[in-house]
Amino acid sequence: MSTVLTLLCLCSLTLWTTTDGKVLTPQLTSKIEEFVENLMQCRKGVGLSLAVVKGNETWTRGFGMADKASGRPVNSSTLFGIGSVTKAFTSTFLAMLIEESQGKYTWQTPIKDILGNDFKLGDEYLTSHVTIRDVLLHRTGLSAPLTPLFAGFPPTVTREQFANLLQYLPMSGLFRDEFNYNNWMYALAGRVGEVMGGASWEELLHQRIFQPLQMTDSRVIGYNVEVDADIFALPYVQLRNEIVLS
């Protein structure tokens, strides 16, 4: 396992349409293109990829640039990082594993019952009582420092090792008292899925989601996949009214 928090890349944003006949008529295509271009201008967007899917037919189109410096345009094959949207994939295959366990696991199962006595958090009560539901709902009360997230971890750090480091996170709120967004808890959820499913997070993702949905162009960065950097869109952010690389 090469990273603790892994970024997924998908080739497009998918929308469903109820138009009759072909996926899009020329008139509707023109309206969509005009809408997207106006939206990008209004929001100062650099680039995006859009897909409309109906049955076995798809319409895809790239807008803007994948790389401002080189002028490389976005096309229908450009990959975009999706960041925290990844969390939805983790919760989805956890739901599958819970259903397949036939009562062995539920959303209310304490994490300690899954990971064993080596699992510890900074608070003894929290260690014993925090559940899968608590972790996914961001209600553990644990702080969520961003510095490690931006700095990254050595590639040799596993999710098991990472889970053991969570005992050093201080509390920043009360358990189950308030919403406290926490990326680290979803890394913990990934580890919980590995133990429940008997496979790595990456393997579960491919087996449970990518393969059944035929998401053949989706990637997990750093997971045994060589990808040409030129097919990725660079990330940008607006800073002091200027669009810069993030």
C-alpha atoms as a PDB file:
ATOM      1  CA  MET A   1       0.000   0.000   0.000  1.00  0.00           C
ATOM      2  CA  SER A   2       1.652   3.185  -1.081  1.00  0.00           C
ATOM      3  CA  THR A   3      -0.431   5.912   0.496  1.00  0.00           C
ATOM      4  CA  VAL A   4      -2.715   6.385   3.451  1.00  0.00           C
ATOM      5  CA  LEU A   5      -5.093   8.812   1.825  1.00  0.00           C
ATOM      6  CA  THR A   6      -5.476   8.031  -1.858  1.00  0.00           C
ATOM      7  CA  LEU A   7      -6.875  10.298  -4.536  1.00  0.00           C
ATOM      8  CA  LEU A   8      -9.151   8.891  -7.184  1.00  0.00           C
ATOM      9  CA  CYS A   9      -9.247  10.238 -10.681  1.00  0.00           C
ATOM     10  CA  LEU A  10     -12.278   9.910 -12.898  1.00  0.00           C
ATOM     11  CA  CYS A  11     -12.470  10.845 -16.522  1.00  0.00           C
ATOM     12  CA  SER A  12     -15.699  12.797 -16.252  1.00  0.00           C
ATOM     13  CA  LEU A  13     -18.661  14.013 -14.284  1.00  0.00           C
ATOM     14  CA  THR A  14     -21.619  11.837 -15.182  1.00  0.00           C
ATOM     15  CA  LEU A  15     -25.164  13.137 -15.585  1.00  0.00           C
ATOM     16  CA  TRP A  16     -28.319  11.229 -16.442  1.00  0.00           C
ATOM     17  CA  THR A  17     -30.766  12.550 -19.006  1.00  0.00           C
ATOM     18  CA  THR A  18     -34.306  11.686 -20.049  1.00  0.00           C
ATOM     19  CA  THR A  19     -34.129  13.053 -23.576  1.00  0.00           C
ATOM     20  CA  ASP A  20     -35.717  10.881 -26.265  1.00  0.00           C
ATOM     21  CA  GLY A  21     -33.843   9.387 -29.187  1.00  0.00           C
ATOM     22  CA  LYS A  22     -30.126  10.035 -29.211  1.00  0.00           C
ATOM     23  CA  VAL A  23     -28.375  11.144 -26.080  1.00  0.00           C
ATOM     24  CA  LEU A  24     -28.500  14.802 -27.102  1.00  0.00           C
ATOM     25  CA  THR A  25     -29.999  16.667 -30.020  1.00  0.00           C
ATOM     26  CA  PRO A  26     -27.813  19.266 -31.776  1.00  0.00           C
ATOM     27  CA  GLN A  27     -29.956  22.012 -30.244  1.00  0.00           C
ATOM     28  CA  LEU A  28     -29.566  20.661 -26.716  1.00  0.00           C
ATOM     29  CA  THR A  29     -25.855  20.127 -27.281  1.00  0.00           C
ATOM     30  CA  SER A  30     -25.505  23.776 -28.215  1.00  0.00           C
ATOM     31  CA  LYS A  31     -27.436  24.886 -25.135  1.00  0.00           C
ATOM     32  CA  ILE A  32     -25.319  22.745 -22.822  1.00  0.00           C
ATOM     33  CA  GLU A  33     -22.083  24.006 -24.335  1.00  0.00           C
ATOM     34  CA  GLU A  34     -23.229  27.614 -23.983  1.00  0.00           C
ATOM     35  CA  PHE A  35     -24.297  27.023 -20.379  1.00  0.00           C
ATOM     36  CA  VAL A  36     -20.987  25.391 -19.412  1.00  0.00           C
ATOM     37  CA  GLU A  37     -18.917  28.099 -21.083  1.00  0.00           C
ATOM     38  CA  ASN A  38     -20.900  30.831 -19.308  1.00  0.00           C
ATOM     39  CA  LEU A  39     -20.582  28.989 -16.012  1.00  0.00           C
ATOM     40  CA  MET A  40     -16.819  28.628 -16.397  1.00  0.00           C
ATOM     41  CA  GLN A  41     -16.465  32.298 -17.204  1.00  0.00           C
ATOM     42  CA  CYS A  42     -18.594  33.286 -14.210  1.00  0.00           C
ATOM     43  CA  ARG A  43     -16.762  30.979 -11.788  1.00  0.00           C
ATOM     44  CA  LYS A  44     -13.353  31.428 -13.407  1.00  0.00           C
ATOM     45  CA  GLY A  45     -13.097  27.717 -14.077  1.00  0.00           C
ATOM     46  CA  VAL A  46      -9.999  26.471 -15.858  1.00  0.00           C
ATOM     47  CA  GLY A  47     -11.309  23.225 -17.279  1.00  0.00           C
ATOM     48  CA  LEU A  48     -13.860  20.466 -16.878  1.00  0.00           C
ATOM     49  CA  SER A  49     -15.104  17.331 -18.577  1.00  0.00           C
ATOM     50  CA  LEU A  50     -18.805  16.597 -18.958  1.00  0.00           C
ATOM     51  CA  ALA A  51     -20.595  13.382 -19.871  1.00  0.00           C
ATOM     52  CA  VAL A  52     -24.260  12.666 -20.517  1.00  0.00           C
ATOM     53  CA  VAL A  53     -25.215   8.994 -20.432  1.00  0.00           C
ATOM     54  CA  LYS A  54     -28.401   7.337 -21.661  1.00  0.00           C
ATOM     55  CA  GLY A  55     -28.502   3.573 -21.795  1.00  0.00           C
ATOM     56  CA  ASN A  56     -25.502   2.442 -23.807  1.00  0.00           C
ATOM     57  CA  GLU A  57     -24.988   5.818 -25.455  1.00  0.00           C
ATOM     58  CA  THR A  58     -22.809   8.609 -24.144  1.00  0.00           C
ATOM     59  CA  TRP A  59     -21.990  12.173 -25.071  1.00  0.00           C
ATOM     60  CA  THR A  60     -18.723  13.559 -23.730  1.00  0.00           C
ATOM     61  CA  ARG A  61     -17.021  16.884 -24.139  1.00  0.00           C
ATOM     62  CA  GLY A  62     -14.018  18.638 -22.648  1.00  0.00           C
ATOM     63  CA  PHE A  63     -14.074  22.346 -21.867  1.00  0.00           C
ATOM     64  CA  GLY A  64     -11.212  24.701 -21.091  1.00  0.00           C
ATOM     65  CA  MET A  65      -7.647  23.723 -20.302  1.00  0.00           C
ATOM     66  CA  ALA A  66      -6.059  20.860 -18.418  1.00  0.00           C
ATOM     67  CA  ASP A  67      -2.816  22.839 -18.156  1.00  0.00           C
ATOM     68  CA  LYS A  68      -2.901  26.632 -18.391  1.00  0.00           C
ATOM     69  CA  ALA A  69       0.851  27.016 -18.821  1.00  0.00           C
ATOM     70  CA  SER A  70       1.124  24.723 -21.834  1.00  0.00           C
ATOM     71  CA  GLY A  71      -2.351  25.407 -23.164  1.00  0.00           C
ATOM     72  CA  ARG A  72      -3.145  21.682 -23.144  1.00  0.00           C
ATOM     73  CA  PRO A  73      -6.927  21.397 -23.576  1.00  0.00           C
ATOM     74  CA  VAL A  74      -9.338  19.184 -21.698  1.00  0.00           C
ATOM     75  CA  ASN A  75     -10.777  16.370 -23.796  1.00  0.00           C
ATOM     76  CA  SER A  76     -13.129  13.473 -23.145  1.00  0.00           C
ATOM     77  CA  SER A  77     -10.254  11.335 -21.815  1.00  0.00           C
ATOM     78  CA  THR A  78      -8.773  13.851 -19.374  1.00  0.00           C
ATOM     79  CA  LEU A  79      -8.596  12.591 -15.787  1.00  0.00           C
ATOM     80  CA  PHE A  80      -9.586  14.848 -12.896  1.00  0.00           C
ATOM     81  CA  GLY A  81      -8.792  14.364  -9.225  1.00  0.00           C
ATOM     82  CA  ILE A  82     -11.956  14.068  -7.140  1.00  0.00           C
ATOM     83  CA  GLY A  83     -10.499  14.497  -3.644  1.00  0.00           C
ATOM     84  CA  SER A  84     -13.061  13.977  -0.903  1.00  0.00           C
ATOM     85  CA  VAL A  85     -15.639  12.532  -3.289  1.00  0.00           C
ATOM     86  CA  THR A  86     -13.554   9.405  -2.673  1.00  0.00           C
ATOM     87  CA  LYS A  87     -15.284   9.144   0.703  1.00  0.00           C
ATOM     88  CA  ALA A  88     -18.507   8.103  -1.026  1.00  0.00           C
ATOM     89  CA  PHE A  89     -16.733   5.073  -2.496  1.00  0.00           C
ATOM     90  CA  THR A  90     -15.470   4.015   0.933  1.00  0.00           C
ATOM     91  CA  SER A  91     -18.904   4.262   2.542  1.00  0.00           C
ATOM     92  CA  THR A  92     -20.462   2.422  -0.421  1.00  0.00           C
ATOM     93  CA  PHE A  93     -18.329  -0.690  -0.194  1.00  0.00           C
ATOM     94  CA  LEU A  94     -18.622  -0.623   3.600  1.00  0.00           C
ATOM     95  CA  ALA A  95     -22.397  -0.806   3.121  1.00  0.00           C
ATOM     96  CA  MET A  96     -21.906  -3.824   0.848  1.00  0.00           C
ATOM     97  CA  LEU A  97     -19.689  -5.558   3.398  1.00  0.00           C
ATOM     98  CA  ILE A  98     -22.141  -4.876   6.221  1.00  0.00           C
ATOM     99  CA  GLU A  99     -25.041  -6.305   4.225  1.00  0.00           C
ATOM    100  CA  GLU A 100     -23.066  -9.390   3.221  1.00  0.00           C
ATOM    101  CA  SER A 101     -21.968 -10.057   6.812  1.00  0.00           C
ATOM    102  CA  GLN A 102     -25.537 -11.183   7.668  1.00  0.00           C
ATOM    103  CA  GLY A 103     -25.570  -9.476  11.041  1.00  0.00           C
ATOM    104  CA  LYS A 104     -21.930  -9.905  12.015  1.00  0.00           C
ATOM    105  CA  TYR A 105     -21.374  -6.208  11.371  1.00  0.00           C
ATOM    106  CA  THR A 106     -23.793  -3.287  11.519  1.00  0.00           C
ATOM    107  CA  TRP A 107     -23.393   0.489  11.288  1.00  0.00           C
ATOM    108  CA  GLN A 108     -23.403   0.436  15.103  1.00  0.00           C
ATOM    109  CA  THR A 109     -20.521  -2.034  15.429  1.00  0.00           C
ATOM    110  CA  PRO A 110     -17.720  -0.522  17.540  1.00  0.00           C
ATOM    111  CA  ILE A 111     -14.490  -0.061  15.602  1.00  0.00           C
ATOM    112  CA  LYS A 112     -12.644  -1.824  18.417  1.00  0.00           C
ATOM    113  CA  ASP A 113     -14.668  -4.992  17.782  1.00  0.00           C
ATOM    114  CA  ILE A 114     -13.352  -5.011  14.207  1.00  0.00           C
ATOM    115  CA  LEU A 115      -9.747  -3.873  14.623  1.00  0.00           C
ATOM    116  CA  GLY A 116      -9.128  -5.538  17.983  1.00  0.00           C
ATOM    117  CA  ASN A 117      -7.434  -4.427  21.175  1.00  0.00           C
ATOM    118  CA  ASP A 118      -4.585  -2.700  19.328  1.00  0.00           C
ATOM    119  CA  PHE A 119      -7.039   0.007  18.251  1.00  0.00           C
ATOM    120  CA  LYS A 120      -6.738   3.043  20.492  1.00  0.00           C
ATOM    121  CA  LEU A 121      -7.840   6.648  20.440  1.00  0.00           C
ATOM    122  CA  GLY A 122      -6.815   9.405  22.828  1.00  0.00           C
ATOM    123  CA  ASP A 123      -9.945   8.969  24.931  1.00  0.00           C
ATOM    124  CA  GLU A 124     -10.707   5.627  26.597  1.00  0.00           C
ATOM    125  CA  TYR A 125     -14.484   5.989  26.313  1.00  0.00           C
ATOM    126  CA  LEU A 126     -14.206   6.973  22.660  1.00  0.00           C
ATOM    127  CA  THR A 127     -11.961   3.982  21.961  1.00  0.00           C
ATOM    128  CA  SER A 128     -14.567   1.585  23.340  1.00  0.00           C
ATOM    129  CA  HIS A 129     -17.684   3.166  21.893  1.00  0.00           C
ATOM    130  CA  VAL A 130     -16.891   4.802  18.530  1.00  0.00           C
ATOM    131  CA  THR A 131     -18.741   2.980  15.748  1.00  0.00           C
ATOM    132  CA  ILE A 132     -18.645   2.761  11.963  1.00  0.00           C
ATOM    133  CA  ARG A 133     -21.571   5.202  11.878  1.00  0.00           C
ATOM    134  CA  ASP A 134     -19.739   7.711  14.095  1.00  0.00           C
ATOM    135  CA  VAL A 135     -16.669   7.645  11.871  1.00  0.00           C
ATOM    136  CA  LEU A 136     -18.626   8.136   8.637  1.00  0.00           C
ATOM    137  CA  LEU A 137     -20.815  10.904  10.099  1.00  0.00           C
ATOM    138  CA  HIS A 138     -17.855  12.998  11.321  1.00  0.00           C
ATOM    139  CA  ARG A 139     -19.085  12.998  14.912  1.00  0.00           C
ATOM    140  CA  THR A 140     -16.134  11.542  16.820  1.00  0.00           C
ATOM    141  CA  GLY A 141     -15.093  14.897  18.284  1.00  0.00           C
ATOM    142  CA  LEU A 142     -11.485  14.308  17.252  1.00  0.00           C
ATOM    143  CA  SER A 143      -9.441  17.123  15.756  1.00  0.00           C
ATOM    144  CA  ALA A 144      -8.464  17.003  12.103  1.00  0.00           C
ATOM    145  CA  PRO A 145      -5.034  18.603  11.579  1.00  0.00           C
ATOM    146  CA  LEU A 146      -4.337  19.442   7.946  1.00  0.00           C
ATOM    147  CA  THR A 147      -0.539  19.627   8.086  1.00  0.00           C
ATOM    148  CA  PRO A 148       0.005  15.837   7.765  1.00  0.00           C
ATOM    149  CA  LEU A 149      -2.553  15.748   4.960  1.00  0.00           C
ATOM    150  CA  PHE A 150      -0.640  18.295   2.900  1.00  0.00           C
ATOM    151  CA  ALA A 151       2.812  17.013   3.859  1.00  0.00           C
ATOM    152  CA  GLY A 152       1.949  13.403   3.133  1.00  0.00           C
ATOM    153  CA  PHE A 153       3.245  10.213   4.688  1.00  0.00           C
ATOM    154  CA  PRO A 154       6.168   7.993   3.692  1.00  0.00           C
ATOM    155  CA  PRO A 155       5.051   5.523   1.009  1.00  0.00           C
ATOM    156  CA  THR A 156       5.793   2.622   3.353  1.00  0.00           C
ATOM    157  CA  VAL A 157       3.147   3.656   5.907  1.00  0.00           C
ATOM    158  CA  THR A 158       0.193   1.263   5.816  1.00  0.00           C
ATOM    159  CA  ARG A 159      -3.366   1.989   6.885  1.00  0.00           C
ATOM    160  CA  GLU A 160      -2.858  -0.391   9.797  1.00  0.00           C
ATOM    161  CA  GLN A 161       0.095   1.678  10.995  1.00  0.00           C
ATOM    162  CA  PHE A 162      -1.816   4.872  10.351  1.00  0.00           C
ATOM    163  CA  ALA A 163      -4.777   3.667  12.423  1.00  0.00           C
ATOM    164  CA  ASN A 164      -2.407   3.148  15.346  1.00  0.00           C
ATOM    165  CA  LEU A 165      -1.324   6.798  15.127  1.00  0.00           C
ATOM    166  CA  LEU A 166      -4.848   8.120  15.630  1.00  0.00           C
ATOM    167  CA  GLN A 167      -4.487   7.755  19.398  1.00  0.00           C
ATOM    168  CA  TYR A 168      -2.433  10.946  19.318  1.00  0.00           C
ATOM    169  CA  LEU A 169      -5.226  13.087  17.873  1.00  0.00           C
ATOM    170  CA  PRO A 170      -6.606  15.451  20.543  1.00  0.00           C
ATOM    171  CA  MET A 171     -10.297  16.045  21.035  1.00  0.00           C
ATOM    172  CA  SER A 172     -11.682  19.268  19.592  1.00  0.00           C
ATOM    173  CA  GLY A 173     -15.335  18.677  20.460  1.00  0.00           C
ATOM    174  CA  LEU A 174     -17.658  16.327  22.291  1.00  0.00           C
ATOM    175  CA  PHE A 175     -18.298  12.795  21.077  1.00  0.00           C
ATOM    176  CA  ARG A 176     -21.585  12.619  19.110  1.00  0.00           C
ATOM    177  CA  ASP A 177     -22.346  16.209  20.055  1.00  0.00           C
ATOM    178  CA  GLU A 178     -21.464  18.049  16.845  1.00  0.00           C
ATOM    179  CA  PHE A 179     -20.376  17.652  13.231  1.00  0.00           C
ATOM    180  CA  ASN A 180     -16.584  17.870  12.967  1.00  0.00           C
ATOM    181  CA  TYR A 181     -15.279  17.149   9.461  1.00  0.00           C
ATOM    182  CA  ASN A 182     -12.367  14.760   9.684  1.00  0.00           C
ATOM    183  CA  ASN A 183     -10.431  13.270   6.755  1.00  0.00           C
ATOM    184  CA  TRP A 184      -8.522  10.959   9.072  1.00  0.00           C
ATOM    185  CA  MET A 185     -11.669   9.123  10.095  1.00  0.00           C
ATOM    186  CA  TYR A 186     -12.263   8.075   6.499  1.00  0.00           C
ATOM    187  CA  ALA A 187      -8.729   6.738   6.339  1.00  0.00           C
ATOM    188  CA  LEU A 188      -9.710   4.761   9.433  1.00  0.00           C
ATOM    189  CA  ALA A 189     -12.900   3.650   7.668  1.00  0.00           C
ATOM    190  CA  GLY A 190     -10.721   2.410   4.821  1.00  0.00           C
ATOM    191  CA  ARG A 191      -8.759   0.286   7.280  1.00  0.00           C
ATOM    192  CA  VAL A 192     -12.000  -1.047   8.765  1.00  0.00           C
ATOM    193  CA  GLY A 193     -13.089  -2.061   5.266  1.00  0.00           C
ATOM    194  CA  GLU A 194      -9.798  -3.876   4.701  1.00  0.00           C
ATOM    195  CA  VAL A 195     -10.309  -6.000   7.811  1.00  0.00           C
ATOM    196  CA  MET A 196     -13.974  -6.675   7.067  1.00  0.00           C
ATOM    197  CA  GLY A 197     -13.366  -7.446   3.391  1.00  0.00           C
ATOM    198  CA  GLY A 198     -10.061  -9.275   3.648  1.00  0.00           C
ATOM    199  CA  ALA A 199      -8.433  -7.151   0.952  1.00  0.00           C
ATOM    200  CA  SER A 200      -6.739  -3.789   0.569  1.00  0.00           C
ATOM    201  CA  TRP A 201      -8.804  -0.625   0.143  1.00  0.00           C
ATOM    202  CA  GLU A 202      -7.611  -0.378  -3.448  1.00  0.00           C
ATOM    203  CA  GLU A 203      -8.575  -3.976  -4.206  1.00  0.00           C
ATOM    204  CA  LEU A 204     -12.003  -3.512  -2.633  1.00  0.00           C
ATOM    205  CA  LEU A 205     -12.519  -0.384  -4.681  1.00  0.00           C
ATOM    206  CA  HIS A 206     -11.731  -2.166  -7.934  1.00  0.00           C
ATOM    207  CA  GLN A 207     -13.676  -5.332  -7.076  1.00  0.00           C
ATOM    208  CA  ARG A 208     -16.748  -3.669  -5.606  1.00  0.00           C
ATOM    209  CA  ILE A 209     -17.148  -0.499  -7.646  1.00  0.00           C
ATOM    210  CA  PHE A 210     -14.850  -0.002 -10.628  1.00  0.00           C
ATOM    211  CA  GLN A 211     -15.256  -3.444 -12.203  1.00  0.00           C
ATOM    212  CA  PRO A 212     -19.050  -3.856 -11.788  1.00  0.00           C
ATOM    213  CA  LEU A 213     -19.657  -0.338 -13.125  1.00  0.00           C
ATOM    214  CA  GLN A 214     -17.067  -0.757 -15.910  1.00  0.00           C
ATOM    215  CA  MET A 215     -15.174   2.309 -14.725  1.00  0.00           C
ATOM    216  CA  THR A 216     -12.170   1.291 -16.790  1.00  0.00           C
ATOM    217  CA  ASP A 217     -10.612   4.751 -17.004  1.00  0.00           C
ATOM    218  CA  SER A 218     -10.701   5.405 -13.260  1.00  0.00           C
ATOM    219  CA  ARG A 219      -7.414   5.372 -11.394  1.00  0.00           C
ATOM    220  CA  VAL A 220      -6.052   5.291  -7.874  1.00  0.00           C
ATOM    221  CA  ILE A 221      -2.895   7.351  -7.731  1.00  0.00           C
ATOM    222  CA  GLY A 222       0.069   5.337  -6.511  1.00  0.00           C
ATOM    223  CA  TYR A 223      -1.600   1.942  -6.882  1.00  0.00           C
ATOM    224  CA  ASN A 224       0.359  -0.238  -9.320  1.00  0.00           C
ATOM    225  CA  VAL A 225      -0.790   1.832 -12.274  1.00  0.00           C
ATOM    226  CA  GLU A 226       1.444   3.728 -14.648  1.00  0.00           C
ATOM    227  CA  VAL A 227      -0.380   6.735 -16.019  1.00  0.00           C
ATOM    228  CA  ASP A 228       0.835   9.317 -18.499  1.00  0.00           C
ATOM    229  CA  ALA A 229       0.888  12.642 -16.656  1.00  0.00           C
ATOM    230  CA  ASP A 230      -0.348  14.378 -19.792  1.00  0.00           C
ATOM    231  CA  ILE A 231      -3.813  12.880 -19.402  1.00  0.00           C
ATOM    232  CA  PHE A 232      -4.323  14.509 -15.992  1.00  0.00           C
ATOM    233  CA  ALA A 233      -5.839  17.932 -15.446  1.00  0.00           C
ATOM    234  CA  LEU A 234      -3.734  20.075 -13.136  1.00  0.00           C
ATOM    235  CA  PRO A 235      -5.514  21.434 -10.033  1.00  0.00           C
ATOM    236  CA  TYR A 236      -6.119  25.169  -9.787  1.00  0.00           C
ATOM    237  CA  VAL A 237      -7.467  27.485  -7.115  1.00  0.00           C
ATOM    238  CA  GLN A 238      -8.506  31.121  -7.042  1.00  0.00           C
ATOM    239  CA  LEU A 239      -6.182  33.115  -4.789  1.00  0.00           C
ATOM    240  CA  ARG A 240      -6.587  36.872  -4.425  1.00  0.00           C
ATOM    241  CA  ASN A 241      -8.602  37.024  -7.623  1.00  0.00           C
ATOM    242  CA  GLU A 242      -5.933  35.088  -9.522  1.00  0.00           C
ATOM    243  CA  ILE A 243      -6.099  31.485 -10.745  1.00  0.00           C
ATOM    244  CA  VAL A 244      -2.993  29.590  -9.599  1.00  0.00           C
ATOM    245  CA  LEU A 245      -1.871  25.989  -9.276  1.00  0.00           C
ATOM    246  CA  SER A 246      -3.009  24.507  -5.996  1.00  0.00           C
END
